[in-house]
Amino acid sequence: MVLDPEYLDRIKEEVSERKAKEKLGGIQQHGLIRDFLMTLAAAGAFIVVAAIFGFILHHIRY
């Protein structure tokens, strides 16, 4: 069976498009995870600062 060169080119394009879409999806998912972790870190830092501030105020008042 002889495959037409146009058919082979079309298969190569479909494969490369699929790989590009998979790679983009992975990059987007990685970005979402990174954003989530940064938000979690910011919330944790806020809680630590608030706890230190509350501890200081508590000792000043009593």
PDB file of N, CA and C in Angstrom:
ATOM      1  N   MET A   1       0.843  -1.175   0.000  1.00  0.00           N
ATOM      2  CA  MET A   1       0.000   0.000   0.000  1.00  0.00           C
ATOM      3  C   MET A   1       0.889   1.238   0.000  1.00  0.00           C
ATOM      4  N   VAL A   2       0.688   2.101  -0.961  1.00  0.00           N
ATOM      5  CA  VAL A   2       1.475   3.325  -1.078  1.00  0.00           C
ATOM      6  C   VAL A   2       0.630   4.487  -0.560  1.00  0.00           C
ATOM      7  N   LEU A   3       1.209   5.235   0.365  1.00  0.00           N
ATOM      8  CA  LEU A   3       0.482   6.374   0.917  1.00  0.00           C
ATOM      9  C   LEU A   3       0.822   7.630   0.137  1.00  0.00           C
ATOM     10  N   ASP A   4      -0.171   8.410  -0.084  1.00  0.00           N
ATOM     11  CA  ASP A   4      -0.034   9.670  -0.801  1.00  0.00           C
ATOM     12  C   ASP A   4       0.770  10.658   0.054  1.00  0.00           C
ATOM     13  N   PRO A   5       1.698  11.408  -0.517  1.00  0.00           N
ATOM     14  CA  PRO A   5       2.473  12.384   0.271  1.00  0.00           C
ATOM     15  C   PRO A   5       1.594  13.434   0.957  1.00  0.00           C
ATOM     16  N   GLU A   6       0.513  13.821   0.327  1.00  0.00           N
ATOM     17  CA  GLU A   6      -0.400  14.790   0.958  1.00  0.00           C
ATOM     18  C   GLU A   6      -1.033  14.191   2.205  1.00  0.00           C
ATOM     19  N   TYR A   7      -1.381  12.913   2.121  1.00  0.00           N
ATOM     20  CA  TYR A   7      -1.975  12.230   3.264  1.00  0.00           C
ATOM     21  C   TYR A   7      -0.976  12.165   4.423  1.00  0.00           C
ATOM     22  N   LEU A   8       0.277  11.867   4.112  1.00  0.00           N
ATOM     23  CA  LEU A   8       1.314  11.822   5.152  1.00  0.00           C
ATOM     24  C   LEU A   8       1.530  13.197   5.779  1.00  0.00           C
ATOM     25  N   ASP A   9       1.518  14.243   4.950  1.00  0.00           N
ATOM     26  CA  ASP A   9       1.668  15.604   5.480  1.00  0.00           C
ATOM     27  C   ASP A   9       0.518  15.953   6.414  1.00  0.00           C
ATOM     28  N   ARG A  10      -0.692  15.537   6.029  1.00  0.00           N
ATOM     29  CA  ARG A  10      -1.860  15.831   6.857  1.00  0.00           C
ATOM     30  C   ARG A  10      -1.771  15.094   8.191  1.00  0.00           C
ATOM     31  N   ILE A  11      -1.295  13.863   8.178  1.00  0.00           N
ATOM     32  CA  ILE A  11      -1.117  13.112   9.427  1.00  0.00           C
ATOM     33  C   ILE A  11      -0.078  13.797  10.309  1.00  0.00           C
ATOM     34  N   LYS A  12       1.030  14.245   9.719  1.00  0.00           N
ATOM     35  CA  LYS A  12       2.070  14.933  10.494  1.00  0.00           C
ATOM     36  C   LYS A  12       1.527  16.211  11.121  1.00  0.00           C
ATOM     37  N   GLU A  13       0.713  16.968  10.375  1.00  0.00           N
ATOM     38  CA  GLU A  13       0.121  18.195  10.907  1.00  0.00           C
ATOM     39  C   GLU A  13      -0.807  17.900  12.075  1.00  0.00           C
ATOM     40  N   GLU A  14      -1.636  16.848  11.942  1.00  0.00           N
ATOM     41  CA  GLU A  14      -2.559  16.494  13.010  1.00  0.00           C
ATOM     42  C   GLU A  14      -1.813  16.077  14.273  1.00  0.00           C
ATOM     43  N   VAL A  15      -0.756  15.319  14.102  1.00  0.00           N
ATOM     44  CA  VAL A  15       0.033  14.874  15.255  1.00  0.00           C
ATOM     45  C   VAL A  15       0.710  16.066  15.923  1.00  0.00           C
ATOM     46  N   SER A  16       1.281  16.956  15.128  1.00  0.00           N
ATOM     47  CA  SER A  16       1.961  18.108  15.718  1.00  0.00           C
ATOM     48  C   SER A  16       0.959  19.045  16.393  1.00  0.00           C
ATOM     49  N   GLU A  17      -0.236  19.195  15.813  1.00  0.00           N
ATOM     50  CA  GLU A  17      -1.261  20.028  16.451  1.00  0.00           C
ATOM     51  C   GLU A  17      -1.694  19.416  17.782  1.00  0.00           C
ATOM     52  N   ARG A  18      -1.865  18.099  17.792  1.00  0.00           N
ATOM     53  CA  ARG A  18      -2.275  17.421  19.025  1.00  0.00           C
ATOM     54  C   ARG A  18      -1.211  17.576  20.102  1.00  0.00           C
ATOM     55  N   LYS A  19       0.055  17.414  19.713  1.00  0.00           N
ATOM     56  CA  LYS A  19       1.142  17.574  20.685  1.00  0.00           C
ATOM     57  C   LYS A  19       1.206  19.004  21.209  1.00  0.00           C
ATOM     58  N   ALA A  20       0.993  19.977  20.319  1.00  0.00           N
ATOM     59  CA  ALA A  20       1.010  21.379  20.738  1.00  0.00           C
ATOM     60  C   ALA A  20      -0.131  21.657  21.712  1.00  0.00           C
ATOM     61  N   LYS A  21      -1.308  21.093  21.437  1.00  0.00           N
ATOM     62  CA  LYS A  21      -2.443  21.296  22.348  1.00  0.00           C
ATOM     63  C   LYS A  21      -2.190  20.652  23.700  1.00  0.00           C
ATOM     64  N   GLU A  22      -1.612  19.456  23.702  1.00  0.00           N
ATOM     65  CA  GLU A  22      -1.300  18.788  24.967  1.00  0.00           C
ATOM     66  C   GLU A  22      -0.275  19.590  25.768  1.00  0.00           C
ATOM     67  N   LYS A  23       0.728  20.107  25.064  1.00  0.00           N
ATOM     68  CA  LYS A  23       1.755  20.891  25.752  1.00  0.00           C
ATOM     69  C   LYS A  23       1.163  22.171  26.329  1.00  0.00           C
ATOM     70  N   LEU A  24       0.305  22.840  25.569  1.00  0.00           N
ATOM     71  CA  LEU A  24      -0.348  24.055  26.049  1.00  0.00           C
ATOM     72  C   LEU A  24      -1.222  23.752  27.248  1.00  0.00           C
ATOM     73  N   GLY A  25      -1.951  22.639  27.204  1.00  0.00           N
ATOM     74  CA  GLY A  25      -2.780  22.247  28.338  1.00  0.00           C
ATOM     75  C   GLY A  25      -1.944  22.005  29.579  1.00  0.00           C
ATOM     76  N   GLY A  26      -0.795  21.364  29.410  1.00  0.00           N
ATOM     77  CA  GLY A  26       0.100  21.126  30.539  1.00  0.00           C
ATOM     78  C   GLY A  26       0.649  22.415  31.112  1.00  0.00           C
ATOM     79  N   ILE A  27       0.987  23.351  30.234  1.00  0.00           N
ATOM     80  CA  ILE A  27       1.499  24.647  30.688  1.00  0.00           C
ATOM     81  C   ILE A  27       0.414  25.404  31.451  1.00  0.00           C
ATOM     82  N   GLN A  28      -0.813  25.376  30.928  1.00  0.00           N
ATOM     83  CA  GLN A  28      -1.912  26.075  31.603  1.00  0.00           C
ATOM     84  C   GLN A  28      -2.197  25.445  32.957  1.00  0.00           C
ATOM     85  N   GLN A  29      -2.159  24.117  33.032  1.00  0.00           N
ATOM     86  CA  GLN A  29      -2.407  23.448  34.304  1.00  0.00           C
ATOM     87  C   GLN A  29      -1.288  23.775  35.290  1.00  0.00           C
ATOM     88  N   HIS A  30      -0.055  23.804  34.811  1.00  0.00           N
ATOM     89  CA  HIS A  30       1.074  24.152  35.668  1.00  0.00           C
ATOM     90  C   HIS A  30       0.901  25.578  36.199  1.00  0.00           C
ATOM     91  N   GLY A  31       0.420  26.489  35.339  1.00  0.00           N
ATOM     92  CA  GLY A  31       0.188  27.873  35.758  1.00  0.00           C
ATOM     93  C   GLY A  31      -0.879  27.969  36.827  1.00  0.00           C
ATOM     94  N   LEU A  32      -1.928  27.170  36.704  1.00  0.00           N
ATOM     95  CA  LEU A  32      -2.993  27.189  37.708  1.00  0.00           C
ATOM     96  C   LEU A  32      -2.489  26.670  39.050  1.00  0.00           C
ATOM     97  N   ILE A  33      -1.687  25.615  39.009  1.00  0.00           N
ATOM     98  CA  ILE A  33      -1.138  25.072  40.255  1.00  0.00           C
ATOM     99  C   ILE A  33      -0.220  26.101  40.909  1.00  0.00           C
ATOM    100  N   ARG A  34       0.585  26.755  40.089  1.00  0.00           N
ATOM    101  CA  ARG A  34       1.502  27.765  40.624  1.00  0.00           C
ATOM    102  C   ARG A  34       0.739  28.939  41.228  1.00  0.00           C
ATOM    103  N   ASP A  35      -0.326  29.384  40.550  1.00  0.00           N
ATOM    104  CA  ASP A  35      -1.150  30.465  41.098  1.00  0.00           C
ATOM    105  C   ASP A  35      -1.784  30.056  42.416  1.00  0.00           C
ATOM    106  N   PHE A  36      -2.266  28.815  42.482  1.00  0.00           N
ATOM    107  CA  PHE A  36      -2.879  28.317  43.714  1.00  0.00           C
ATOM    108  C   PHE A  36      -1.864  28.310  44.852  1.00  0.00           C
ATOM    109  N   LEU A  37      -0.658  27.829  44.574  1.00  0.00           N
ATOM    110  CA  LEU A  37       0.365  27.773  45.619  1.00  0.00           C
ATOM    111  C   LEU A  37       0.790  29.165  46.069  1.00  0.00           C
ATOM    112  N   MET A  38       0.863  30.106  45.127  1.00  0.00           N
ATOM    113  CA  MET A  38       1.222  31.479  45.506  1.00  0.00           C
ATOM    114  C   MET A  38       0.130  32.097  46.383  1.00  0.00           C
ATOM    115  N   THR A  39      -1.125  31.839  46.047  1.00  0.00           N
ATOM    116  CA  THR A  39      -2.233  32.346  46.856  1.00  0.00           C
ATOM    117  C   THR A  39      -2.208  31.727  48.243  1.00  0.00           C
ATOM    118  N   LEU A  40      -1.937  30.440  48.313  1.00  0.00           N
ATOM    119  CA  LEU A  40      -1.851  29.752  49.591  1.00  0.00           C
ATOM    120  C   LEU A  40      -0.705  30.309  50.433  1.00  0.00           C
ATOM    121  N   ALA A  41       0.427  30.582  49.800  1.00  0.00           N
ATOM    122  CA  ALA A  41       1.575  31.148  50.519  1.00  0.00           C
ATOM    123  C   ALA A  41       1.257  32.552  51.023  1.00  0.00           C
ATOM    124  N   ALA A  42       0.577  33.350  50.208  1.00  0.00           N
ATOM    125  CA  ALA A  42       0.213  34.704  50.631  1.00  0.00           C
ATOM    126  C   ALA A  42      -0.756  34.656  51.805  1.00  0.00           C
ATOM    127  N   ALA A  43      -1.716  33.753  51.759  1.00  0.00           N
ATOM    128  CA  ALA A  43      -2.665  33.618  52.866  1.00  0.00           C
ATOM    129  C   ALA A  43      -1.938  33.172  54.137  1.00  0.00           C
ATOM    130  N   GLY A  44      -1.010  32.242  53.996  1.00  0.00           N
ATOM    131  CA  GLY A  44      -0.242  31.791  55.150  1.00  0.00           C
ATOM    132  C   GLY A  44       0.597  32.903  55.746  1.00  0.00           C
ATOM    133  N   ALA A  45       1.222  33.704  54.899  1.00  0.00           N
ATOM    134  CA  ALA A  45       2.026  34.824  55.386  1.00  0.00           C
ATOM    135  C   ALA A  45       1.140  35.844  56.096  1.00  0.00           C
ATOM    136  N   PHE A  46      -0.045  36.092  55.561  1.00  0.00           N
ATOM    137  CA  PHE A  46      -0.980  37.022  56.201  1.00  0.00           C
ATOM    138  C   PHE A  46      -1.384  36.522  57.586  1.00  0.00           C
ATOM    139  N   ILE A  47      -1.639  35.232  57.696  1.00  0.00           N
ATOM    140  CA  ILE A  47      -2.024  34.660  58.993  1.00  0.00           C
ATOM    141  C   ILE A  47      -0.880  34.777  59.993  1.00  0.00           C
ATOM    142  N   VAL A  48       0.337  34.527  59.550  1.00  0.00           N
ATOM    143  CA  VAL A  48       1.495  34.628  60.445  1.00  0.00           C
ATOM    144  C   VAL A  48       1.677  36.064  60.923  1.00  0.00           C
ATOM    145  N   VAL A  49       1.570  37.026  60.015  1.00  0.00           N
ATOM    146  CA  VAL A  49       1.722  38.437  60.395  1.00  0.00           C
ATOM    147  C   VAL A  49       0.616  38.839  61.359  1.00  0.00           C
ATOM    148  N   ALA A  50      -0.623  38.405  61.079  1.00  0.00           N
ATOM    149  CA  ALA A  50      -1.747  38.739  61.966  1.00  0.00           C
ATOM    150  C   ALA A  50      -1.548  38.119  63.345  1.00  0.00           C
ATOM    151  N   ALA A  51      -1.031  36.902  63.408  1.00  0.00           N
ATOM    152  CA  ALA A  51      -0.791  36.249  64.698  1.00  0.00           C
ATOM    153  C   ALA A  51       0.287  36.986  65.483  1.00  0.00           C
ATOM    154  N   ILE A  52       1.354  37.387  64.815  1.00  0.00           N
ATOM    155  CA  ILE A  52       2.417  38.140  65.501  1.00  0.00           C
ATOM    156  C   ILE A  52       1.887  39.476  65.996  1.00  0.00           C
ATOM    157  N   PHE A  53       1.126  40.160  65.151  1.00  0.00           N
ATOM    158  CA  PHE A  53       0.554  41.450  65.534  1.00  0.00           C
ATOM    159  C   PHE A  53      -0.390  41.279  66.725  1.00  0.00           C
ATOM    160  N   GLY A  54      -1.225  40.244  66.694  1.00  0.00           N
ATOM    161  CA  GLY A  54      -2.136  39.987  67.812  1.00  0.00           C
ATOM    162  C   GLY A  54      -1.386  39.643  69.083  1.00  0.00           C
ATOM    163  N   PHE A  55      -0.327  38.871  68.964  1.00  0.00           N
ATOM    164  CA  PHE A  55       0.492  38.517  70.128  1.00  0.00           C
ATOM    165  C   PHE A  55       1.107  39.769  70.753  1.00  0.00           C
ATOM    166  N   ILE A  56       1.626  40.661  69.919  1.00  0.00           N
ATOM    167  CA  ILE A  56       2.228  41.902  70.419  1.00  0.00           C
ATOM    168  C   ILE A  56       1.168  42.767  71.088  1.00  0.00           C
ATOM    169  N   LEU A  57       0.032  42.948  70.457  1.00  0.00           N
ATOM    170  CA  LEU A  57      -1.032  43.763  71.055  1.00  0.00           C
ATOM    171  C   LEU A  57      -1.528  43.173  72.365  1.00  0.00           C
ATOM    172  N   HIS A  58      -1.619  41.853  72.415  1.00  0.00           N
ATOM    173  CA  HIS A  58      -2.076  41.202  73.643  1.00  0.00           C
ATOM    174  C   HIS A  58      -1.109  41.495  74.791  1.00  0.00           C
ATOM    175  N   HIS A  59       0.186  41.436  74.542  1.00  0.00           N
ATOM    176  CA  HIS A  59       1.177  41.673  75.598  1.00  0.00           C
ATOM    177  C   HIS A  59       1.283  43.157  75.947  1.00  0.00           C
ATOM    178  N   ILE A  60       0.969  44.031  75.014  1.00  0.00           N
ATOM    179  CA  ILE A  60       0.995  45.460  75.342  1.00  0.00           C
ATOM    180  C   ILE A  60      -0.178  45.812  76.255  1.00  0.00           C
ATOM    181  N   ARG A  61      -1.326  45.231  75.952  1.00  0.00           N
ATOM    182  CA  ARG A  61      -2.534  45.581  76.720  1.00  0.00           C
ATOM    183  C   ARG A  61      -2.534  44.928  78.097  1.00  0.00           C
ATOM    184  N   TYR A  62      -1.919  43.733  78.271  1.00  0.00           N
ATOM    185  CA  TYR A  62      -2.001  43.042  79.567  1.00  0.00           C
ATOM    186  C   TYR A  62      -0.662  42.911  80.198  1.00  0.00           C
TER     187      TYR A  62
END
